[in-house]
C-alpha atoms as a PDB file:
ATOM      1  CA  MET A   1       0.000   0.000   0.000  1.00  0.00           C
ATOM      2  CA  ASP A   2       1.362   3.383  -0.964  1.00  0.00           C
ATOM      3  CA  ILE A   3       0.709   6.594   0.907  1.00  0.00           C
ATOM      4  CA  GLN A   4      -0.708   9.300  -1.360  1.00  0.00           C
ATOM      5  CA  ILE A   5       1.173  12.564  -0.737  1.00  0.00           C
ATOM      6  CA  VAL A   6       0.377  15.794  -2.584  1.00  0.00           C
ATOM      7  CA  CYS A   7       1.177  19.478  -2.357  1.00  0.00           C
ATOM      8  CA  PRO A   8      -1.628  21.982  -3.028  1.00  0.00           C
ATOM      9  CA  ALA A   9       1.008  24.489  -4.268  1.00  0.00           C
ATOM     10  CA  PHE A  10       2.535  22.297  -7.012  1.00  0.00           C
ATOM     11  CA  ALA A  11       1.969  18.905  -8.601  1.00  0.00           C
ATOM     12  CA  SER A  12       4.368  15.995  -8.761  1.00  0.00           C
ATOM     13  CA  GLY A  13       6.881  16.583 -11.544  1.00  0.00           C
ATOM     14  CA  GLU A  14       6.278  20.332 -11.602  1.00  0.00           C
ATOM     15  CA  SER A  15       8.552  23.167 -10.567  1.00  0.00           C
ATOM     16  CA  ILE A  16       8.498  24.285  -6.939  1.00  0.00           C
ATOM     17  CA  PRO A  17       7.326  27.916  -6.671  1.00  0.00           C
ATOM     18  CA  LYS A  18      10.062  30.367  -5.611  1.00  0.00           C
ATOM     19  CA  LYS A  19       8.186  31.098  -2.378  1.00  0.00           C
ATOM     20  CA  PHE A  20       9.353  27.725  -1.017  1.00  0.00           C
ATOM     21  CA  THR A  21      13.006  28.153  -2.086  1.00  0.00           C
ATOM     22  CA  CYS A  22      16.111  30.142  -1.183  1.00  0.00           C
ATOM     23  CA  GLU A  23      15.033  32.718  -3.766  1.00  0.00           C
ATOM     24  CA  GLY A  24      11.754  33.377  -1.955  1.00  0.00           C
ATOM     25  CA  GLN A  25      10.449  33.201   1.603  1.00  0.00           C
ATOM     26  CA  ASP A  26      12.078  29.782   2.127  1.00  0.00           C
ATOM     27  CA  VAL A  27       9.015  28.404   3.930  1.00  0.00           C
ATOM     28  CA  SER A  28       7.958  24.779   3.801  1.00  0.00           C
ATOM     29  CA  PRO A  29       5.213  23.971   1.306  1.00  0.00           C
ATOM     30  CA  PRO A  30       1.858  22.608   2.439  1.00  0.00           C
ATOM     31  CA  LEU A  31       1.592  18.821   2.233  1.00  0.00           C
ATOM     32  CA  VAL A  32      -1.473  16.586   2.411  1.00  0.00           C
ATOM     33  CA  TRP A  33      -1.534  12.792   2.604  1.00  0.00           C
ATOM     34  CA  SER A  34      -3.918   9.880   2.789  1.00  0.00           C
ATOM     35  CA  ASN A  35      -4.013   6.080   2.690  1.00  0.00           C
ATOM     36  CA  LEU A  36      -2.137   5.423   5.931  1.00  0.00           C
ATOM     37  CA  PRO A  37      -2.264   1.721   6.820  1.00  0.00           C
ATOM     38  CA  ASP A  38      -3.810   0.268   9.958  1.00  0.00           C
ATOM     39  CA  GLY A  39      -1.227  -0.041  12.709  1.00  0.00           C
ATOM     40  CA  THR A  40       0.441   3.297  11.944  1.00  0.00           C
ATOM     41  CA  VAL A  41       1.856   4.701  15.186  1.00  0.00           C
ATOM     42  CA  GLY A  42       3.829   7.602  13.776  1.00  0.00           C
ATOM     43  CA  LEU A  43       5.137   9.215  10.618  1.00  0.00           C
ATOM     44  CA  ALA A  44       8.485  10.423   9.348  1.00  0.00           C
ATOM     45  CA  LEU A  45       9.140  12.923   6.549  1.00  0.00           C
ATOM     46  CA  ILE A  46      12.416  13.253   4.674  1.00  0.00           C
ATOM     47  CA  VAL A  47      12.880  15.922   1.999  1.00  0.00           C
ATOM     48  CA  ASP A  48      16.114  15.690   0.074  1.00  0.00           C
ATOM     49  CA  ASP A  49      17.895  16.537  -3.166  1.00  0.00           C
ATOM     50  CA  PRO A  50      19.508  13.490  -4.807  1.00  0.00           C
ATOM     51  CA  ASP A  51      21.118  15.704  -7.482  1.00  0.00           C
ATOM     52  CA  ALA A  52      23.251  17.822  -5.135  1.00  0.00           C
ATOM     53  CA  PRO A  53      26.952  18.036  -6.066  1.00  0.00           C
ATOM     54  CA  ALA A  54      27.979  16.786  -2.604  1.00  0.00           C
ATOM     55  CA  GLY A  55      25.563  13.846  -2.788  1.00  0.00           C
ATOM     56  CA  ASP A  56      22.142  13.481  -1.217  1.00  0.00           C
ATOM     57  CA  TRP A  57      21.307  16.837   0.440  1.00  0.00           C
ATOM     58  CA  VAL A  58      18.719  16.877   3.241  1.00  0.00           C
ATOM     59  CA  HIS A  59      16.357  19.871   3.221  1.00  0.00           C
ATOM     60  CA  TRP A  60      13.942  18.791   5.955  1.00  0.00           C
ATOM     61  CA  LEU A  61      13.712  15.922   8.411  1.00  0.00           C
ATOM     62  CA  LEU A  62      10.719  15.346  10.692  1.00  0.00           C
ATOM     63  CA  TYR A  63       9.942  12.240  12.730  1.00  0.00           C
ATOM     64  CA  ASN A  64       7.495  11.096  15.406  1.00  0.00           C
ATOM     65  CA  LEU A  65       4.718  12.959  13.630  1.00  0.00           C
ATOM     66  CA  PRO A  66       1.354  11.889  15.106  1.00  0.00           C
ATOM     67  CA  ASP A  67      -0.431   9.003  13.394  1.00  0.00           C
ATOM     68  CA  ASN A  68      -3.670  11.024  13.101  1.00  0.00           C
ATOM     69  CA  LEU A  69      -1.951  13.857  11.208  1.00  0.00           C
ATOM     70  CA  THR A  70      -3.050  14.124   7.562  1.00  0.00           C
ATOM     71  CA  ALA A  71      -1.378  17.386   6.524  1.00  0.00           C
ATOM     72  CA  LEU A  72       1.289  19.965   7.251  1.00  0.00           C
ATOM     73  CA  PRO A  73       0.420  23.599   6.621  1.00  0.00           C
ATOM     74  CA  GLU A  74       2.649  26.002   4.732  1.00  0.00           C
ATOM     75  CA  GLY A  75       5.482  27.106   7.020  1.00  0.00           C
ATOM     76  CA  ALA A  76       4.867  24.218   9.437  1.00  0.00           C
ATOM     77  CA  LYS A  77       6.649  24.469  12.776  1.00  0.00           C
ATOM     78  CA  GLY A  78       6.354  22.675  16.086  1.00  0.00           C
ATOM     79  CA  VAL A  79       4.974  19.421  14.686  1.00  0.00           C
ATOM     80  CA  GLY A  80       6.787  16.175  15.416  1.00  0.00           C
ATOM     81  CA  VAL A  81      10.498  16.154  16.139  1.00  0.00           C
ATOM     82  CA  GLU A  82      12.969  17.959  13.884  1.00  0.00           C
ATOM     83  CA  GLY A  83      16.114  16.282  12.729  1.00  0.00           C
ATOM     84  CA  VAL A  84      19.141  18.078  11.393  1.00  0.00           C
ATOM     85  CA  ASN A  85      19.324  19.094   7.732  1.00  0.00           C
ATOM     86  CA  SER A  86      22.462  19.211   5.585  1.00  0.00           C
ATOM     87  CA  TRP A  87      23.152  22.807   6.693  1.00  0.00           C
ATOM     88  CA  GLY A  88      23.566  21.471  10.235  1.00  0.00           C
ATOM     89  CA  SER A  89      20.415  23.133  11.539  1.00  0.00           C
ATOM     90  CA  ARG A  90      16.876  22.038  12.303  1.00  0.00           C
ATOM     91  CA  GLY A  91      13.871  22.983  10.238  1.00  0.00           C
ATOM     92  CA  TYR A  92      13.055  23.392   6.583  1.00  0.00           C
ATOM     93  CA  ARG A  93      15.533  24.855   4.122  1.00  0.00           C
ATOM     94  CA  GLY A  94      14.237  25.162   0.589  1.00  0.00           C
ATOM     95  CA  PRO A  95      15.712  24.244  -2.772  1.00  0.00           C
ATOM     96  CA  CYS A  96      18.797  26.220  -3.757  1.00  0.00           C
ATOM     97  CA  PRO A  97      20.645  24.422  -6.560  1.00  0.00           C
ATOM     98  CA  PRO A  98      23.700  25.915  -8.231  1.00  0.00           C
ATOM     99  CA  ARG A  99      22.834  28.525 -10.857  1.00  0.00           C
ATOM    100  CA  GLY A 100      22.080  27.009 -14.233  1.00  0.00           C
ATOM    101  CA  LYS A 101      21.148  23.634 -12.747  1.00  0.00           C
ATOM    102  CA  THR A 102      17.810  21.881 -12.291  1.00  0.00           C
ATOM    103  CA  HIS A 103      17.536  19.545  -9.319  1.00  0.00           C
ATOM    104  CA  ARG A 104      14.875  17.104  -8.142  1.00  0.00           C
ATOM    105  CA  TYR A 105      13.438  17.352  -4.636  1.00  0.00           C
ATOM    106  CA  VAL A 106      11.934  14.232  -3.121  1.00  0.00           C
ATOM    107  CA  PHE A 107       9.345  14.486  -0.339  1.00  0.00           C
ATOM    108  CA  LYS A 108       9.181  11.009   1.269  1.00  0.00           C
ATOM    109  CA  LEU A 109       6.587  10.161   3.909  1.00  0.00           C
ATOM    110  CA  TYR A 110       6.821   6.949   5.939  1.00  0.00           C
ATOM    111  CA  ALA A 111       4.106   5.291   8.049  1.00  0.00           C
ATOM    112  CA  LEU A 112       5.787   3.565  10.988  1.00  0.00           C
ATOM    113  CA  SER A 113       4.725   0.812  13.367  1.00  0.00           C
ATOM    114  CA  GLN A 114       6.435   2.506  16.316  1.00  0.00           C
ATOM    115  CA  ALA A 115       7.707   5.873  17.475  1.00  0.00           C
ATOM    116  CA  LEU A 116      11.403   6.457  16.889  1.00  0.00           C
ATOM    117  CA  GLY A 117      13.422   6.600  20.092  1.00  0.00           C
ATOM    118  CA  LEU A 118      15.529   9.505  18.876  1.00  0.00           C
ATOM    119  CA  LYS A 119      16.186  12.876  20.449  1.00  0.00           C
ATOM    120  CA  PRO A 120      15.707  16.102  18.476  1.00  0.00           C
ATOM    121  CA  GLY A 121      18.494  16.777  15.988  1.00  0.00           C
ATOM    122  CA  ALA A 122      18.987  13.239  14.683  1.00  0.00           C
ATOM    123  CA  SER A 123      20.593  12.847  11.267  1.00  0.00           C
ATOM    124  CA  LYS A 124      18.981  11.271   8.215  1.00  0.00           C
ATOM    125  CA  ALA A 125      21.176   8.192   8.676  1.00  0.00           C
ATOM    126  CA  GLU A 126      20.043   7.843  12.306  1.00  0.00           C
ATOM    127  CA  VAL A 127      16.379   8.194  11.327  1.00  0.00           C
ATOM    128  CA  GLU A 128      16.700   5.671   8.503  1.00  0.00           C
ATOM    129  CA  LYS A 129      18.437   3.207  10.834  1.00  0.00           C
ATOM    130  CA  ALA A 130      15.722   3.631  13.503  1.00  0.00           C
ATOM    131  CA  MET A 131      12.969   3.137  10.876  1.00  0.00           C
ATOM    132  CA  ARG A 132      14.439  -0.153   9.614  1.00  0.00           C
ATOM    133  CA  GLY A 133      11.948  -2.973  10.106  1.00  0.00           C
ATOM    134  CA  HIS A 134       9.153  -0.569  11.134  1.00  0.00           C
ATOM    135  CA  ILE A 135       8.042   0.922   7.781  1.00  0.00           C
ATOM    136  CA  LEU A 136       4.435  -0.061   7.049  1.00  0.00           C
ATOM    137  CA  ALA A 137       4.035   2.084   3.927  1.00  0.00           C
ATOM    138  CA  GLU A 138       5.610   5.021   2.161  1.00  0.00           C
ATOM    139  CA  GLY A 139       4.779   7.604  -0.423  1.00  0.00           C
ATOM    140  CA  GLN A 140       6.675  10.262  -2.294  1.00  0.00           C
ATOM    141  CA  LEU A 141       6.242  13.451  -4.212  1.00  0.00           C
ATOM    142  CA  ILE A 142       9.008  14.555  -6.587  1.00  0.00           C
ATOM    143  CA  ALA A 143       9.282  18.125  -7.823  1.00  0.00           C
ATOM    144  CA  ARG A 144      12.073  20.172  -9.341  1.00  0.00           C
ATOM    145  CA  PHE A 145      13.618  23.620  -9.121  1.00  0.00           C
ATOM    146  CA  ALA A 146      16.118  25.507 -11.286  1.00  0.00           C
ATOM    147  CA  ARG A 147      17.990  28.761 -10.656  1.00  0.00           C
END
């Protein structure tokens, strides 16, 4: 079973509006999801750029989101636990590829069978390790941005 994840501000495969990037207000886009499986205890969200020159670049990492949550509003704050992004800080940082380049941005949502026993500020690797064996379903939204 796949989780359906959409963004009211842009469709999968489309360009991310500047508002949600380093060239705009750099706020997180709104996200809405459905089709969570029975037994979901919590959710995790990873937003990354697989095209970054330095390798996979994490833009946003949230975990221990409540199982009854079905959306995140634009500019979401204070929901779940924030992990550390590739800038070394917590919270959302929007797309900012090198000039002249188009990158893909993958919003991955995971339904989990247990809460992750991680403190705030965990890395993507720590979250992925803690999720191992507890992923009930996942969904993704892929968009792009060019500067």
